[in-house]
Amino acid sequence: MSSTTDLDWFKSSYSSAQGDSCVEVAVTDQAVHVRDSKDVTRPHFAVGRDGWAHFVRYAAHG
């Protein structure tokens, strides 16, 4: 697994200018890594790409 310093993190385009209540994601061949954009020093978690795709589809309909 890549270290967090080696990942290219992206913030949601829906994030407000204040940067509140947002997550950042970094995509690798194996997984999608997710972290809190307000405190990037906290641990992040990773989910498989298929799991992430299912989550995004669910969130889009909900």
N, C-alpha and C. Protein backbone atom coordinates (compact mmCIF):
# COMPACT_ATOMS: atom_id res chain seq x y z
N MET A 1 0.84 -1.18 0.00
CA MET A 1 0.00 0.00 0.00
C MET A 1 0.88 1.24 0.00
N SER A 2 0.44 2.27 -0.66
CA SER A 2 1.18 3.52 -0.72
C SER A 2 1.04 4.27 0.60
N SER A 3 2.07 5.02 0.96
CA SER A 3 1.93 5.88 2.12
C SER A 3 1.11 7.10 1.73
N THR A 4 0.54 7.78 2.71
CA THR A 4 -0.31 8.93 2.41
C THR A 4 0.46 10.06 1.74
N THR A 5 1.76 10.11 1.95
CA THR A 5 2.54 11.17 1.32
C THR A 5 2.76 10.89 -0.16
N ASP A 6 2.62 9.63 -0.56
CA ASP A 6 2.81 9.27 -1.97
C ASP A 6 1.53 9.36 -2.80
N LEU A 7 0.41 9.61 -2.14
CA LEU A 7 -0.88 9.62 -2.84
C LEU A 7 -1.23 11.02 -3.33
N ASP A 8 -1.96 11.08 -4.42
CA ASP A 8 -2.48 12.35 -4.95
C ASP A 8 -3.92 12.49 -4.46
N TRP A 9 -4.13 13.36 -3.48
CA TRP A 9 -5.43 13.54 -2.86
C TRP A 9 -6.25 14.59 -3.61
N PHE A 10 -7.56 14.32 -3.74
CA PHE A 10 -8.48 15.23 -4.43
C PHE A 10 -9.67 15.51 -3.53
N LYS A 11 -10.04 16.79 -3.44
CA LYS A 11 -11.20 17.19 -2.65
C LYS A 11 -12.41 17.27 -3.56
N SER A 12 -13.56 16.98 -3.02
CA SER A 12 -14.80 17.01 -3.78
C SER A 12 -15.05 18.38 -4.39
N SER A 13 -15.60 18.39 -5.59
CA SER A 13 -15.97 19.66 -6.22
C SER A 13 -17.15 20.31 -5.50
N TYR A 14 -17.84 19.55 -4.64
CA TYR A 14 -18.96 20.08 -3.85
C TYR A 14 -18.49 20.72 -2.55
N SER A 15 -17.21 20.68 -2.28
CA SER A 15 -16.68 21.25 -1.05
C SER A 15 -16.86 22.76 -1.06
N SER A 16 -17.22 23.29 0.10
CA SER A 16 -17.37 24.74 0.20
C SER A 16 -16.02 25.43 0.27
N ALA A 17 -16.02 26.72 0.07
CA ALA A 17 -14.78 27.50 0.13
C ALA A 17 -14.17 27.46 1.52
N GLN A 18 -15.00 27.25 2.56
CA GLN A 18 -14.50 27.20 3.92
C GLN A 18 -13.81 25.87 4.23
N GLY A 19 -14.03 24.86 3.40
CA GLY A 19 -13.38 23.58 3.59
C GLY A 19 -13.98 22.73 4.69
N ASP A 20 -15.22 23.04 5.09
CA ASP A 20 -15.84 22.27 6.16
C ASP A 20 -16.55 21.02 5.64
N SER A 21 -16.65 20.04 6.49
CA SER A 21 -17.42 18.81 6.21
C SER A 21 -17.09 18.20 4.86
N CYS A 22 -15.84 17.95 4.62
CA CYS A 22 -15.46 17.40 3.33
C CYS A 22 -14.45 16.27 3.51
N VAL A 23 -14.43 15.42 2.53
CA VAL A 23 -13.45 14.35 2.49
C VAL A 23 -12.58 14.52 1.25
N GLU A 24 -11.44 13.90 1.30
CA GLU A 24 -10.55 13.83 0.15
C GLU A 24 -10.36 12.37 -0.21
N VAL A 25 -10.16 12.11 -1.49
CA VAL A 25 -9.93 10.74 -1.93
C VAL A 25 -8.66 10.69 -2.76
N ALA A 26 -8.04 9.53 -2.73
CA ALA A 26 -6.87 9.25 -3.57
C ALA A 26 -7.09 7.86 -4.16
N VAL A 27 -6.98 7.76 -5.47
CA VAL A 27 -7.26 6.51 -6.17
C VAL A 27 -5.96 5.83 -6.57
N THR A 28 -5.86 4.55 -6.26
CA THR A 28 -4.74 3.73 -6.71
C THR A 28 -5.31 2.56 -7.51
N ASP A 29 -4.44 1.75 -8.05
CA ASP A 29 -4.90 0.57 -8.79
C ASP A 29 -5.68 -0.39 -7.90
N GLN A 30 -5.32 -0.46 -6.63
CA GLN A 30 -5.91 -1.43 -5.72
C GLN A 30 -7.10 -0.91 -4.93
N ALA A 31 -7.14 0.40 -4.64
CA ALA A 31 -8.14 0.90 -3.69
C ALA A 31 -8.40 2.39 -3.87
N VAL A 32 -9.44 2.84 -3.17
CA VAL A 32 -9.73 4.27 -3.04
C VAL A 32 -9.50 4.60 -1.57
N HIS A 33 -8.63 5.56 -1.31
CA HIS A 33 -8.29 5.98 0.04
C HIS A 33 -9.11 7.22 0.36
N VAL A 34 -9.60 7.29 1.59
CA VAL A 34 -10.49 8.38 2.00
C VAL A 34 -9.96 8.98 3.30
N ARG A 35 -9.94 10.32 3.37
CA ARG A 35 -9.51 10.98 4.61
C ARG A 35 -10.32 12.25 4.84
N ASP A 36 -10.28 12.72 6.06
CA ASP A 36 -10.95 13.95 6.48
C ASP A 36 -10.10 15.13 6.02
N SER A 37 -10.68 16.01 5.22
CA SER A 37 -9.90 17.13 4.70
C SER A 37 -9.60 18.18 5.76
N LYS A 38 -10.34 18.17 6.88
CA LYS A 38 -10.09 19.14 7.94
C LYS A 38 -8.89 18.77 8.80
N ASP A 39 -8.56 17.49 8.84
CA ASP A 39 -7.43 17.03 9.65
C ASP A 39 -6.75 15.87 8.93
N VAL A 40 -5.87 16.21 8.02
CA VAL A 40 -5.22 15.20 7.19
C VAL A 40 -4.17 14.39 7.95
N THR A 41 -3.91 14.75 9.20
CA THR A 41 -2.96 13.98 10.01
C THR A 41 -3.62 12.75 10.63
N ARG A 42 -4.95 12.72 10.64
CA ARG A 42 -5.66 11.55 11.17
C ARG A 42 -5.54 10.39 10.19
N PRO A 43 -5.69 9.18 10.68
CA PRO A 43 -5.60 8.02 9.79
C PRO A 43 -6.67 8.04 8.71
N HIS A 44 -6.33 7.53 7.56
CA HIS A 44 -7.30 7.41 6.47
C HIS A 44 -7.73 5.95 6.37
N PHE A 45 -8.76 5.69 5.59
CA PHE A 45 -9.13 4.30 5.34
C PHE A 45 -9.18 4.06 3.85
N ALA A 46 -9.14 2.81 3.47
CA ALA A 46 -9.17 2.45 2.05
C ALA A 46 -10.24 1.40 1.83
N VAL A 47 -10.89 1.51 0.69
CA VAL A 47 -11.89 0.52 0.27
C VAL A 47 -11.52 0.06 -1.13
N GLY A 48 -11.94 -1.14 -1.47
CA GLY A 48 -11.71 -1.64 -2.81
C GLY A 48 -12.44 -0.78 -3.84
N ARG A 49 -11.93 -0.78 -5.05
CA ARG A 49 -12.53 0.06 -6.09
C ARG A 49 -13.98 -0.34 -6.37
N ASP A 50 -14.30 -1.64 -6.32
CA ASP A 50 -15.68 -2.07 -6.53
C ASP A 50 -16.59 -1.57 -5.41
N GLY A 51 -16.11 -1.66 -4.18
CA GLY A 51 -16.87 -1.15 -3.04
C GLY A 51 -17.12 0.33 -3.15
N TRP A 52 -16.12 1.08 -3.59
CA TRP A 52 -16.27 2.53 -3.76
C TRP A 52 -17.30 2.83 -4.85
N ALA A 53 -17.25 2.10 -5.94
CA ALA A 53 -18.21 2.31 -7.03
C ALA A 53 -19.64 2.05 -6.55
N HIS A 54 -19.83 1.02 -5.73
CA HIS A 54 -21.16 0.74 -5.18
C HIS A 54 -21.62 1.87 -4.28
N PHE A 55 -20.72 2.38 -3.43
CA PHE A 55 -21.04 3.50 -2.54
C PHE A 55 -21.45 4.73 -3.34
N VAL A 56 -20.70 5.07 -4.37
CA VAL A 56 -21.00 6.26 -5.17
C VAL A 56 -22.35 6.12 -5.86
N ARG A 57 -22.63 4.94 -6.40
CA ARG A 57 -23.95 4.72 -7.02
C ARG A 57 -25.07 4.87 -5.99
N TYR A 58 -24.88 4.31 -4.82
CA TYR A 58 -25.88 4.43 -3.75
C TYR A 58 -26.07 5.90 -3.35
N ALA A 59 -24.99 6.63 -3.15
CA ALA A 59 -25.06 8.03 -2.73
C ALA A 59 -25.72 8.89 -3.80
N ALA A 60 -25.51 8.58 -5.05
CA ALA A 60 -26.09 9.36 -6.14
C ALA A 60 -27.61 9.25 -6.18
N HIS A 61 -28.14 8.14 -5.67
CA HIS A 61 -29.57 7.93 -5.69
C HIS A 61 -30.25 8.29 -4.39
N GLY A 62 -29.49 8.73 -3.42
CA GLY A 62 -30.06 8.88 -2.11
C GLY A 62 -30.20 10.21 -1.56
